[in-house]
N, C-alpha and C. Protein backbone atom coordinates (compact mmCIF):
# COMPACT_ATOMS: atom_id res chain seq x y z
N MET A 1 -145.94 -161.94 -6.35
CA MET A 1 -145.82 -162.90 -5.26
C MET A 1 -146.89 -163.97 -5.38
N SER A 2 -146.56 -165.13 -4.86
CA SER A 2 -147.52 -166.23 -4.87
C SER A 2 -148.56 -165.99 -3.78
N VAL A 3 -149.61 -166.79 -3.82
CA VAL A 3 -150.66 -166.70 -2.81
C VAL A 3 -150.08 -166.97 -1.42
N ILE A 4 -149.18 -167.96 -1.34
CA ILE A 4 -148.56 -168.30 -0.06
C ILE A 4 -147.72 -167.15 0.46
N GLN A 5 -146.91 -166.56 -0.45
CA GLN A 5 -146.08 -165.43 -0.04
C GLN A 5 -146.94 -164.26 0.44
N ASN A 6 -148.04 -164.00 -0.28
CA ASN A 6 -148.95 -162.93 0.14
C ASN A 6 -149.53 -163.21 1.52
N ALA A 7 -149.86 -164.46 1.76
CA ALA A 7 -150.43 -164.83 3.06
C ALA A 7 -149.41 -164.64 4.17
N ILE A 8 -148.14 -165.00 3.89
CA ILE A 8 -147.08 -164.84 4.89
C ILE A 8 -146.86 -163.36 5.20
N VAL A 9 -146.80 -162.55 4.16
CA VAL A 9 -146.61 -161.10 4.35
C VAL A 9 -147.75 -160.52 5.17
N ALA A 10 -148.98 -160.93 4.84
CA ALA A 10 -150.15 -160.42 5.57
C ALA A 10 -150.10 -160.84 7.04
N ALA A 11 -149.70 -162.09 7.27
CA ALA A 11 -149.63 -162.58 8.65
C ALA A 11 -148.59 -161.82 9.45
N LEU A 12 -147.44 -161.58 8.81
CA LEU A 12 -146.38 -160.82 9.48
C LEU A 12 -146.84 -159.40 9.80
N ALA A 13 -147.56 -158.79 8.87
CA ALA A 13 -148.05 -157.43 9.08
C ALA A 13 -149.03 -157.38 10.24
N ILE A 14 -149.93 -158.36 10.29
CA ILE A 14 -150.88 -158.41 11.39
C ILE A 14 -150.17 -158.61 12.72
N GLY A 15 -149.17 -159.49 12.73
CA GLY A 15 -148.40 -159.72 13.95
C GLY A 15 -147.69 -158.48 14.42
N MET A 16 -147.13 -157.71 13.45
CA MET A 16 -146.42 -156.48 13.82
C MET A 16 -147.38 -155.46 14.40
N VAL A 17 -148.57 -155.34 13.82
CA VAL A 17 -149.57 -154.40 14.34
C VAL A 17 -150.00 -154.81 15.73
N ALA A 18 -150.24 -156.12 15.92
CA ALA A 18 -150.66 -156.60 17.24
C ALA A 18 -149.59 -156.34 18.29
N ALA A 19 -148.32 -156.61 17.92
CA ALA A 19 -147.22 -156.38 18.86
C ALA A 19 -147.11 -154.91 19.21
N THR A 20 -147.25 -154.06 18.19
CA THR A 20 -147.15 -152.62 18.43
C THR A 20 -148.27 -152.15 19.34
N THR A 21 -149.49 -152.64 19.11
CA THR A 21 -150.64 -152.26 19.92
C THR A 21 -150.45 -152.72 21.35
N THR A 22 -149.99 -153.97 21.53
CA THR A 22 -149.78 -154.49 22.87
C THR A 22 -148.75 -153.67 23.62
N THR A 23 -147.64 -153.35 22.93
CA THR A 23 -146.60 -152.55 23.56
C THR A 23 -147.11 -151.18 23.93
N ALA A 24 -147.87 -150.57 23.02
CA ALA A 24 -148.36 -149.22 23.27
C ALA A 24 -149.31 -149.18 24.46
N THR A 25 -150.20 -150.18 24.55
CA THR A 25 -151.16 -150.15 25.64
C THR A 25 -150.53 -150.50 26.97
N ALA A 26 -149.33 -151.07 26.97
CA ALA A 26 -148.65 -151.42 28.22
C ALA A 26 -147.93 -150.22 28.82
N ARG A 27 -147.80 -149.15 28.06
CA ARG A 27 -147.13 -147.95 28.55
C ARG A 27 -148.16 -146.94 29.03
N PRO A 28 -147.85 -146.21 30.11
CA PRO A 28 -148.80 -145.20 30.58
C PRO A 28 -149.03 -144.11 29.55
N ALA A 29 -150.26 -143.64 29.48
CA ALA A 29 -150.55 -142.45 28.68
C ALA A 29 -150.03 -141.25 29.46
N LYS A 30 -149.28 -140.39 28.81
CA LYS A 30 -148.65 -139.28 29.51
C LYS A 30 -149.65 -138.16 29.79
N ALA A 31 -149.46 -137.51 30.93
CA ALA A 31 -150.25 -136.33 31.25
C ALA A 31 -149.91 -135.22 30.26
N LYS A 32 -150.86 -134.33 30.04
CA LYS A 32 -150.65 -133.21 29.13
C LYS A 32 -150.49 -131.93 29.93
N PHE A 33 -149.56 -131.09 29.47
CA PHE A 33 -149.25 -129.86 30.19
C PHE A 33 -149.35 -128.66 29.27
N THR A 34 -149.64 -127.50 29.86
CA THR A 34 -149.62 -126.26 29.10
C THR A 34 -148.18 -125.81 28.92
N SER A 35 -147.96 -124.81 28.08
CA SER A 35 -146.61 -124.30 27.86
C SER A 35 -146.05 -123.66 29.14
N GLU A 36 -146.95 -123.27 30.06
CA GLU A 36 -146.50 -122.68 31.33
C GLU A 36 -146.23 -123.74 32.40
N GLY A 37 -146.51 -125.01 32.09
CA GLY A 37 -146.21 -126.09 33.03
C GLY A 37 -147.37 -126.56 33.87
N ALA A 38 -148.57 -126.01 33.67
CA ALA A 38 -149.75 -126.50 34.39
C ALA A 38 -150.24 -127.79 33.74
N VAL A 39 -150.73 -128.70 34.55
CA VAL A 39 -151.25 -129.95 34.00
C VAL A 39 -152.68 -129.74 33.52
N LYS A 40 -153.03 -130.41 32.44
CA LYS A 40 -154.39 -130.33 31.92
C LYS A 40 -155.24 -131.44 32.55
N ILE A 41 -156.50 -131.15 32.75
CA ILE A 41 -157.40 -132.15 33.34
C ILE A 41 -157.45 -133.37 32.43
N PRO A 42 -157.31 -134.58 33.01
CA PRO A 42 -157.34 -135.78 32.16
C PRO A 42 -158.69 -135.96 31.47
N GLU A 43 -158.66 -136.62 30.34
CA GLU A 43 -159.90 -136.92 29.64
C GLU A 43 -160.42 -138.29 30.07
N ASN A 44 -161.71 -138.39 30.26
CA ASN A 44 -162.37 -139.68 30.51
C ASN A 44 -161.78 -140.45 31.69
N TRP A 45 -161.45 -139.76 32.77
CA TRP A 45 -160.81 -140.45 33.89
C TRP A 45 -161.73 -141.49 34.52
N ARG A 46 -163.04 -141.33 34.39
CA ARG A 46 -163.93 -142.34 34.98
C ARG A 46 -163.94 -143.64 34.18
N ASP A 47 -163.29 -143.63 33.02
CA ASP A 47 -163.10 -144.86 32.24
C ASP A 47 -161.82 -145.59 32.64
N TRP A 48 -161.01 -144.99 33.49
CA TRP A 48 -159.77 -145.62 33.94
C TRP A 48 -160.09 -146.78 34.89
N ILE A 49 -159.04 -147.44 35.39
CA ILE A 49 -159.21 -148.58 36.29
C ILE A 49 -159.55 -148.08 37.69
N PHE A 50 -160.75 -148.42 38.15
CA PHE A 50 -161.19 -148.01 39.49
C PHE A 50 -160.59 -148.96 40.51
N VAL A 51 -159.89 -148.40 41.53
CA VAL A 51 -159.20 -149.26 42.49
C VAL A 51 -159.77 -149.17 43.90
N GLY A 52 -160.65 -148.20 44.18
CA GLY A 52 -161.23 -148.17 45.51
C GLY A 52 -161.78 -146.80 45.87
N ALA A 53 -162.44 -146.75 47.07
CA ALA A 53 -163.06 -145.50 47.53
C ALA A 53 -163.00 -145.39 49.05
N PRO A 54 -161.84 -145.07 49.61
CA PRO A 54 -161.73 -144.91 51.06
C PRO A 54 -162.64 -143.78 51.57
N LEU A 55 -163.01 -143.88 52.85
CA LEU A 55 -163.87 -142.87 53.47
C LEU A 55 -163.47 -142.68 54.92
N THR A 56 -163.26 -141.44 55.33
CA THR A 56 -163.01 -141.09 56.74
C THR A 56 -163.96 -139.95 57.09
N PRO A 57 -165.20 -140.27 57.46
CA PRO A 57 -166.23 -139.24 57.64
C PRO A 57 -166.02 -138.36 58.86
N ASN A 58 -166.57 -137.16 58.78
CA ASN A 58 -166.49 -136.22 59.89
C ASN A 58 -167.00 -136.81 61.19
N ALA A 59 -168.13 -137.53 61.10
CA ALA A 59 -168.79 -138.04 62.30
C ALA A 59 -167.91 -139.01 63.10
N LEU A 60 -166.96 -139.64 62.45
CA LEU A 60 -166.07 -140.58 63.14
C LEU A 60 -164.72 -139.96 63.46
N ASN A 61 -164.59 -138.65 63.21
CA ASN A 61 -163.31 -137.97 63.42
C ASN A 61 -163.50 -136.63 64.13
N GLY A 62 -164.26 -136.69 65.21
CA GLY A 62 -164.44 -135.50 66.03
C GLY A 62 -165.16 -134.37 65.33
N GLY A 63 -165.91 -134.68 64.28
CA GLY A 63 -166.67 -133.66 63.58
C GLY A 63 -165.89 -132.91 62.51
N SER A 64 -164.60 -133.21 62.37
CA SER A 64 -163.79 -132.48 61.39
C SER A 64 -162.66 -133.35 60.86
N ALA A 65 -162.99 -134.22 59.91
CA ALA A 65 -161.97 -135.06 59.29
C ALA A 65 -161.20 -134.26 58.24
N PRO A 66 -159.90 -134.53 58.08
CA PRO A 66 -159.14 -133.83 57.03
C PRO A 66 -159.69 -134.11 55.63
N PHE A 67 -160.19 -135.34 55.44
CA PHE A 67 -160.71 -135.75 54.13
C PHE A 67 -162.04 -136.46 54.33
N PRO A 68 -163.15 -135.71 54.49
CA PRO A 68 -164.42 -136.32 54.88
C PRO A 68 -165.21 -136.97 53.75
N GLU A 69 -164.75 -136.84 52.51
CA GLU A 69 -165.50 -137.39 51.37
C GLU A 69 -165.00 -138.78 51.00
N PHE A 70 -165.84 -139.49 50.23
CA PHE A 70 -165.33 -140.68 49.55
C PHE A 70 -164.24 -140.24 48.58
N HIS A 71 -163.21 -141.06 48.43
CA HIS A 71 -162.15 -140.81 47.46
C HIS A 71 -162.22 -141.89 46.39
N ASN A 72 -162.87 -141.58 45.28
CA ASN A 72 -162.92 -142.53 44.17
C ASN A 72 -161.60 -142.45 43.41
N VAL A 73 -160.83 -143.51 43.46
CA VAL A 73 -159.48 -143.48 42.90
C VAL A 73 -159.41 -144.33 41.63
N TYR A 74 -158.89 -143.71 40.57
CA TYR A 74 -158.76 -144.33 39.26
C TYR A 74 -157.30 -144.26 38.79
N VAL A 75 -156.83 -145.35 38.19
CA VAL A 75 -155.47 -145.39 37.65
C VAL A 75 -155.55 -145.48 36.13
N GLU A 76 -154.77 -144.67 35.46
CA GLU A 76 -154.72 -144.70 33.99
C GLU A 76 -154.38 -146.13 33.56
N PRO A 77 -155.11 -146.70 32.58
CA PRO A 77 -154.99 -148.13 32.25
C PRO A 77 -153.57 -148.61 31.94
N GLY A 78 -152.81 -147.84 31.17
CA GLY A 78 -151.44 -148.27 30.85
C GLY A 78 -150.58 -148.36 32.09
N ALA A 79 -150.76 -147.41 33.00
CA ALA A 79 -150.01 -147.42 34.26
C ALA A 79 -150.41 -148.61 35.12
N PHE A 80 -151.71 -148.91 35.13
CA PHE A 80 -152.18 -150.06 35.91
C PHE A 80 -151.59 -151.36 35.37
N LYS A 81 -151.57 -151.52 34.05
CA LYS A 81 -151.02 -152.73 33.45
C LYS A 81 -149.54 -152.89 33.80
N HIS A 82 -148.82 -151.78 33.76
CA HIS A 82 -147.39 -151.84 34.11
C HIS A 82 -147.23 -152.23 35.58
N PHE A 83 -148.05 -151.65 36.45
CA PHE A 83 -147.98 -151.97 37.88
C PHE A 83 -148.32 -153.43 38.13
N ALA A 84 -149.35 -153.92 37.44
CA ALA A 84 -149.75 -155.31 37.61
C ALA A 84 -148.65 -156.27 37.15
N LYS A 85 -147.90 -155.86 36.14
CA LYS A 85 -146.86 -156.72 35.59
C LYS A 85 -145.58 -156.68 36.42
N THR A 86 -145.26 -155.50 36.98
CA THR A 86 -143.96 -155.31 37.62
C THR A 86 -144.02 -155.03 39.12
N GLY A 87 -145.18 -154.61 39.61
CA GLY A 87 -145.27 -154.20 41.01
C GLY A 87 -144.71 -152.82 41.25
N LYS A 88 -144.40 -152.10 40.16
CA LYS A 88 -143.82 -150.75 40.27
C LYS A 88 -144.62 -149.77 39.41
N TRP A 89 -144.64 -148.52 39.85
CA TRP A 89 -145.28 -147.48 39.05
C TRP A 89 -144.31 -146.95 38.02
N ALA A 90 -144.75 -146.94 36.77
CA ALA A 90 -143.89 -146.48 35.67
C ALA A 90 -143.81 -144.96 35.66
N GLU A 91 -142.76 -144.46 35.03
CA GLU A 91 -142.69 -143.02 34.75
C GLU A 91 -143.90 -142.64 33.89
N GLY A 92 -144.53 -141.54 34.24
CA GLY A 92 -145.71 -141.10 33.51
C GLY A 92 -147.02 -141.55 34.12
N THR A 93 -146.95 -142.36 35.19
CA THR A 93 -148.17 -142.83 35.85
C THR A 93 -149.06 -141.66 36.26
N GLN A 94 -150.36 -141.82 36.00
CA GLN A 94 -151.37 -140.85 36.46
C GLN A 94 -152.39 -141.58 37.33
N ILE A 95 -152.69 -140.98 38.48
CA ILE A 95 -153.71 -141.51 39.38
C ILE A 95 -154.64 -140.36 39.74
N VAL A 96 -155.94 -140.57 39.54
CA VAL A 96 -156.95 -139.56 39.82
C VAL A 96 -157.69 -139.91 41.11
N LYS A 97 -158.00 -138.87 41.86
CA LYS A 97 -158.85 -139.03 43.05
C LYS A 97 -160.02 -138.06 42.90
N GLU A 98 -161.22 -138.61 42.76
CA GLU A 98 -162.41 -137.76 42.67
C GLU A 98 -163.16 -137.80 44.00
N LEU A 99 -163.44 -136.64 44.54
CA LEU A 99 -164.09 -136.53 45.84
C LEU A 99 -165.61 -136.59 45.67
N VAL A 100 -166.25 -137.36 46.56
CA VAL A 100 -167.69 -137.55 46.50
C VAL A 100 -168.26 -137.41 47.91
N THR A 101 -169.29 -136.59 48.07
CA THR A 101 -169.89 -136.39 49.38
C THR A 101 -170.59 -137.66 49.87
N ILE A 102 -170.84 -137.68 51.19
CA ILE A 102 -171.70 -138.71 51.77
C ILE A 102 -173.14 -138.32 51.47
N ARG A 103 -173.92 -139.27 51.01
CA ARG A 103 -175.33 -139.01 50.70
C ARG A 103 -176.06 -138.49 51.94
N GLN A 104 -176.84 -137.45 51.74
CA GLN A 104 -177.64 -136.88 52.82
C GLN A 104 -179.08 -137.34 52.69
N ASN A 105 -179.54 -138.08 53.71
CA ASN A 105 -180.90 -138.60 53.71
C ASN A 105 -181.29 -138.89 55.16
N ASN A 106 -181.64 -137.83 55.89
CA ASN A 106 -181.94 -137.95 57.32
C ASN A 106 -180.82 -138.65 58.07
N ASN A 107 -179.60 -138.19 57.83
CA ASN A 107 -178.43 -138.84 58.41
C ASN A 107 -178.43 -138.74 59.94
N ASP A 108 -177.97 -139.80 60.58
CA ASP A 108 -177.85 -139.83 62.03
C ASP A 108 -176.82 -138.78 62.46
N PRO A 109 -177.17 -137.91 63.40
CA PRO A 109 -176.23 -136.84 63.79
C PRO A 109 -174.96 -137.34 64.47
N GLU A 110 -175.02 -138.52 65.06
CA GLU A 110 -173.84 -139.04 65.76
C GLU A 110 -172.90 -139.78 64.81
N THR A 111 -173.43 -140.57 63.89
CA THR A 111 -172.57 -141.38 63.01
C THR A 111 -172.43 -140.79 61.61
N GLY A 112 -173.37 -139.92 61.22
CA GLY A 112 -173.34 -139.38 59.86
C GLY A 112 -173.88 -140.34 58.82
N ALA A 113 -174.37 -141.51 59.26
CA ALA A 113 -174.87 -142.53 58.33
C ALA A 113 -176.33 -142.27 58.00
N SER A 114 -176.75 -142.79 56.85
CA SER A 114 -178.15 -142.68 56.45
C SER A 114 -178.77 -144.07 56.39
N ALA A 115 -180.08 -144.11 56.61
CA ALA A 115 -180.80 -145.38 56.54
C ALA A 115 -181.34 -145.55 55.13
N GLU A 116 -180.85 -146.56 54.45
CA GLU A 116 -181.24 -146.81 53.06
C GLU A 116 -181.85 -148.21 52.94
N VAL A 117 -182.31 -148.54 51.76
CA VAL A 117 -182.93 -149.85 51.55
C VAL A 117 -181.95 -150.98 51.82
N SER A 118 -180.66 -150.71 51.62
CA SER A 118 -179.63 -151.74 51.84
C SER A 118 -179.19 -151.82 53.29
N GLY A 119 -179.63 -150.85 54.12
CA GLY A 119 -179.24 -150.83 55.53
C GLY A 119 -178.67 -149.47 55.91
N VAL A 120 -178.26 -149.35 57.16
CA VAL A 120 -177.69 -148.10 57.65
C VAL A 120 -176.20 -148.07 57.32
N GLY A 121 -175.77 -146.98 56.73
CA GLY A 121 -174.36 -146.89 56.37
C GLY A 121 -174.04 -145.62 55.60
N TYR A 122 -172.97 -145.68 54.86
CA TYR A 122 -172.50 -144.52 54.11
C TYR A 122 -172.65 -144.78 52.62
N GLN A 123 -173.42 -143.94 51.97
CA GLN A 123 -173.64 -144.04 50.53
C GLN A 123 -173.09 -142.79 49.86
N MET A 124 -172.77 -142.89 48.58
CA MET A 124 -172.20 -141.75 47.86
C MET A 124 -173.27 -140.74 47.48
N GLY A 125 -172.89 -139.46 47.59
CA GLY A 125 -173.76 -138.38 47.20
C GLY A 125 -173.36 -137.77 45.87
N GLU A 126 -172.66 -136.61 45.92
CA GLU A 126 -172.35 -135.87 44.70
C GLU A 126 -170.85 -135.66 44.54
N PHE A 127 -170.42 -135.47 43.29
CA PHE A 127 -169.03 -135.15 43.00
C PHE A 127 -168.71 -133.74 43.51
N VAL A 128 -167.59 -133.60 44.22
CA VAL A 128 -167.24 -132.28 44.76
C VAL A 128 -165.74 -131.97 44.63
N GLY A 129 -165.04 -132.62 43.74
CA GLY A 129 -163.64 -132.26 43.59
C GLY A 129 -162.86 -133.30 42.79
N LEU A 130 -161.75 -132.85 42.24
CA LEU A 130 -160.91 -133.74 41.44
C LEU A 130 -159.45 -133.42 41.67
N GLU A 131 -158.67 -134.47 41.96
CA GLU A 131 -157.24 -134.32 42.17
C GLU A 131 -156.49 -135.33 41.30
N LEU A 132 -155.23 -135.04 41.06
CA LEU A 132 -154.40 -135.88 40.19
C LEU A 132 -152.99 -135.94 40.74
N THR A 133 -152.39 -137.11 40.66
CA THR A 133 -150.96 -137.22 40.93
C THR A 133 -150.28 -137.82 39.70
N VAL A 134 -149.09 -137.31 39.41
CA VAL A 134 -148.32 -137.73 38.24
C VAL A 134 -146.91 -138.07 38.68
N LYS A 135 -146.39 -139.21 38.21
CA LYS A 135 -145.00 -139.57 38.49
C LYS A 135 -144.16 -139.24 37.26
N ASP A 136 -143.25 -138.30 37.43
CA ASP A 136 -142.40 -137.88 36.31
C ASP A 136 -141.12 -137.28 36.89
N ASN A 137 -140.10 -138.13 37.07
CA ASN A 137 -138.87 -137.68 37.71
C ASN A 137 -138.11 -136.64 36.89
N LYS A 138 -138.33 -136.60 35.59
CA LYS A 138 -137.67 -135.61 34.77
C LYS A 138 -138.32 -134.24 34.94
N ARG A 139 -139.64 -134.20 34.84
CA ARG A 139 -140.36 -132.93 34.96
C ARG A 139 -140.38 -132.44 36.40
N PHE A 140 -140.50 -133.38 37.34
CA PHE A 140 -140.63 -133.01 38.76
C PHE A 140 -139.43 -133.52 39.55
N LYS A 141 -138.26 -133.19 39.09
CA LYS A 141 -137.04 -133.69 39.72
C LYS A 141 -136.86 -133.20 41.16
N ASP A 142 -137.52 -132.10 41.51
CA ASP A 142 -137.41 -131.57 42.87
C ASP A 142 -138.48 -132.11 43.81
N GLN A 143 -139.39 -132.92 43.27
CA GLN A 143 -140.44 -133.54 44.10
C GLN A 143 -139.98 -134.93 44.53
N PRO A 144 -140.06 -135.25 45.82
CA PRO A 144 -139.65 -136.58 46.27
C PRO A 144 -140.34 -137.69 45.49
N GLY A 145 -139.54 -138.64 45.01
CA GLY A 145 -140.08 -139.75 44.24
C GLY A 145 -140.53 -139.39 42.84
N GLY A 146 -140.41 -138.10 42.49
CA GLY A 146 -140.87 -137.66 41.18
C GLY A 146 -142.37 -137.51 41.08
N TRP A 147 -143.07 -137.56 42.23
CA TRP A 147 -144.53 -137.44 42.24
C TRP A 147 -144.94 -135.99 42.48
N ALA A 148 -145.86 -135.50 41.65
CA ALA A 148 -146.44 -134.17 41.85
C ALA A 148 -147.95 -134.32 42.01
N TYR A 149 -148.54 -133.40 42.78
CA TYR A 149 -149.96 -133.49 43.14
C TYR A 149 -150.68 -132.21 42.71
N PHE A 150 -151.90 -132.40 42.20
CA PHE A 150 -152.65 -131.28 41.61
C PHE A 150 -154.11 -131.35 42.06
N SER A 151 -154.77 -130.19 42.10
CA SER A 151 -156.21 -130.14 42.35
C SER A 151 -156.89 -129.28 41.29
N PHE A 152 -157.95 -129.82 40.72
CA PHE A 152 -158.75 -129.09 39.74
C PHE A 152 -159.97 -128.45 40.40
N GLY A 153 -159.94 -128.38 41.72
CA GLY A 153 -161.00 -127.71 42.47
C GLY A 153 -161.67 -128.63 43.46
N HIS A 154 -162.01 -128.04 44.61
CA HIS A 154 -162.74 -128.78 45.64
C HIS A 154 -164.16 -128.23 45.66
N HIS A 155 -164.92 -128.56 44.62
CA HIS A 155 -166.26 -128.05 44.41
C HIS A 155 -166.94 -128.92 43.35
N PRO A 156 -168.26 -128.78 43.18
CA PRO A 156 -168.94 -129.56 42.14
C PRO A 156 -168.42 -129.24 40.74
N GLU A 157 -168.72 -130.11 39.79
CA GLU A 157 -168.37 -129.85 38.39
C GLU A 157 -169.09 -128.60 37.89
N PRO A 158 -168.49 -127.90 36.92
CA PRO A 158 -167.28 -128.25 36.18
C PRO A 158 -166.01 -127.93 36.97
N TYR A 159 -165.02 -128.78 36.81
CA TYR A 159 -163.72 -128.57 37.44
C TYR A 159 -162.87 -127.64 36.57
N ALA A 160 -161.80 -127.13 37.15
CA ALA A 160 -160.87 -126.31 36.38
C ALA A 160 -160.24 -127.15 35.27
N LYS A 161 -159.83 -126.51 34.20
CA LYS A 161 -159.25 -127.23 33.07
C LYS A 161 -157.76 -127.50 33.25
N THR A 162 -157.11 -126.72 34.12
CA THR A 162 -155.68 -126.92 34.38
C THR A 162 -155.42 -126.76 35.87
N ALA A 163 -154.25 -127.21 36.31
CA ALA A 163 -153.90 -127.09 37.73
C ALA A 163 -152.38 -126.99 37.88
N GLU A 164 -151.96 -126.26 38.90
CA GLU A 164 -150.54 -126.13 39.23
C GLU A 164 -150.19 -127.16 40.30
N ALA A 165 -148.95 -127.61 40.31
CA ALA A 165 -148.50 -128.59 41.30
C ALA A 165 -148.45 -127.98 42.69
N PHE A 166 -148.88 -128.74 43.68
CA PHE A 166 -148.76 -128.32 45.07
C PHE A 166 -147.28 -128.36 45.48
N PRO A 167 -146.87 -127.57 46.46
CA PRO A 167 -145.52 -127.73 47.01
C PRO A 167 -145.40 -129.08 47.69
N ALA A 168 -144.20 -129.60 47.79
CA ALA A 168 -143.98 -130.93 48.35
C ALA A 168 -144.55 -131.06 49.76
N SER A 169 -144.52 -129.98 50.53
CA SER A 169 -144.99 -130.04 51.92
C SER A 169 -146.49 -130.25 52.02
N ALA A 170 -147.24 -129.92 50.97
CA ALA A 170 -148.70 -129.99 51.03
C ALA A 170 -149.23 -131.42 50.91
N CYS A 171 -148.67 -132.23 50.04
CA CYS A 171 -149.17 -133.60 49.81
C CYS A 171 -148.05 -134.63 49.86
N ASN A 172 -146.95 -134.33 49.18
CA ASN A 172 -145.90 -135.30 49.00
C ASN A 172 -145.32 -135.79 50.32
N ALA A 173 -145.16 -134.88 51.28
CA ALA A 173 -144.54 -135.24 52.55
C ALA A 173 -145.35 -136.31 53.28
N CYS A 174 -146.68 -136.18 53.24
CA CYS A 174 -147.54 -137.18 53.90
C CYS A 174 -147.44 -138.52 53.18
N HIS A 175 -147.46 -138.50 51.86
CA HIS A 175 -147.35 -139.74 51.10
C HIS A 175 -146.00 -140.41 51.36
N GLN A 176 -144.95 -139.61 51.38
CA GLN A 176 -143.61 -140.16 51.61
C GLN A 176 -143.52 -140.83 52.98
N ALA A 177 -144.16 -140.23 53.98
CA ALA A 177 -144.05 -140.74 55.35
C ALA A 177 -144.99 -141.91 55.64
N ASN A 178 -146.12 -141.99 54.94
CA ASN A 178 -147.15 -142.93 55.34
C ASN A 178 -147.60 -143.96 54.30
N ALA A 179 -147.31 -143.72 53.03
CA ALA A 179 -147.78 -144.63 51.98
C ALA A 179 -146.89 -145.87 51.90
N ASP A 180 -147.51 -147.02 51.68
CA ASP A 180 -146.77 -148.29 51.70
C ASP A 180 -145.90 -148.53 50.47
N THR A 181 -146.31 -148.03 49.30
CA THR A 181 -145.63 -148.43 48.06
C THR A 181 -145.36 -147.23 47.17
N ASP A 182 -144.10 -146.82 47.07
CA ASP A 182 -143.71 -145.78 46.13
C ASP A 182 -144.67 -144.58 46.18
N TRP A 183 -144.82 -144.03 47.39
CA TRP A 183 -145.63 -142.82 47.59
C TRP A 183 -147.13 -143.06 47.35
N THR A 184 -147.58 -144.30 47.25
CA THR A 184 -149.01 -144.57 47.07
C THR A 184 -149.52 -145.45 48.21
N PHE A 185 -150.77 -145.19 48.61
CA PHE A 185 -151.35 -145.85 49.78
C PHE A 185 -151.95 -147.21 49.40
N THR A 186 -151.11 -148.12 48.98
CA THR A 186 -151.61 -149.44 48.58
C THR A 186 -152.26 -150.17 49.74
N GLN A 187 -151.95 -149.78 50.98
CA GLN A 187 -152.57 -150.44 52.13
C GLN A 187 -154.09 -150.23 52.17
N PHE A 188 -154.59 -149.24 51.42
CA PHE A 188 -156.03 -148.97 51.40
C PHE A 188 -156.73 -149.55 50.17
N TYR A 189 -155.97 -150.18 49.26
CA TYR A 189 -156.55 -150.60 47.98
C TYR A 189 -156.24 -152.07 47.69
N PRO A 190 -157.16 -152.98 48.04
CA PRO A 190 -156.91 -154.40 47.79
C PRO A 190 -156.76 -154.74 46.31
N VAL A 191 -157.35 -153.93 45.43
CA VAL A 191 -157.17 -154.17 43.99
C VAL A 191 -155.69 -154.06 43.63
N LEU A 192 -155.00 -153.08 44.19
CA LEU A 192 -153.56 -152.92 43.92
C LEU A 192 -152.74 -153.99 44.63
N ARG A 193 -153.09 -154.30 45.87
CA ARG A 193 -152.35 -155.33 46.60
C ARG A 193 -152.47 -156.69 45.92
N ALA A 194 -153.64 -156.96 45.35
CA ALA A 194 -153.85 -158.25 44.69
C ALA A 194 -152.91 -158.45 43.52
N VAL A 195 -152.67 -157.39 42.73
CA VAL A 195 -151.80 -157.55 41.57
C VAL A 195 -150.33 -157.46 41.94
N MET A 196 -150.04 -157.03 43.18
CA MET A 196 -148.65 -156.96 43.64
C MET A 196 -148.12 -158.31 44.09
N LYS A 197 -149.01 -159.27 44.32
CA LYS A 197 -148.58 -160.57 44.85
C LYS A 197 -147.56 -161.22 43.92
N ASP A 198 -146.54 -161.82 44.56
CA ASP A 198 -145.49 -162.55 43.84
C ASP A 198 -144.62 -161.63 42.99
N LYS A 199 -144.67 -160.34 43.21
CA LYS A 199 -143.81 -159.41 42.47
C LYS A 199 -142.49 -159.24 43.21
């Protein structure tokens, strides 16, 4: 082949690799399961796209909130890209929720807030749990919307390595009744609402 032909072939090869890479990264990375059907704990979830950290502390909920910790929520990057492009969650979407305590530092008994250098408020303490939701209508055909919910433990690290899906009544029913977008609480996450615009 001539130098020009070699250059054309090389350019085409590079273009094909780039296209393949772009396509691959636009698809969600699939959750991994054991042969018994338990989901495996995701790898490097703190490297995923962070979308927010809602908080409903005990002190503002009669001393006993259902979910008193910060909820650090991360979306697997491929799933986030698909959502940003289409406004819809793709099959295989994984969303992690890591629970974090409120920092304890002479907290006010009435509000539960601590006085810090930045002011009085709620600061993050320690990791105390990890949960995962997966959208897979084929694997979870009996779960509304194809979403299944898992917990790797409500305690400090290390978390469990695998988890079984909760029954639909435990998590799915609340999401189905109250979440704004395809079983997800986009009303609490401006990062998600921002990419939904004009979809």
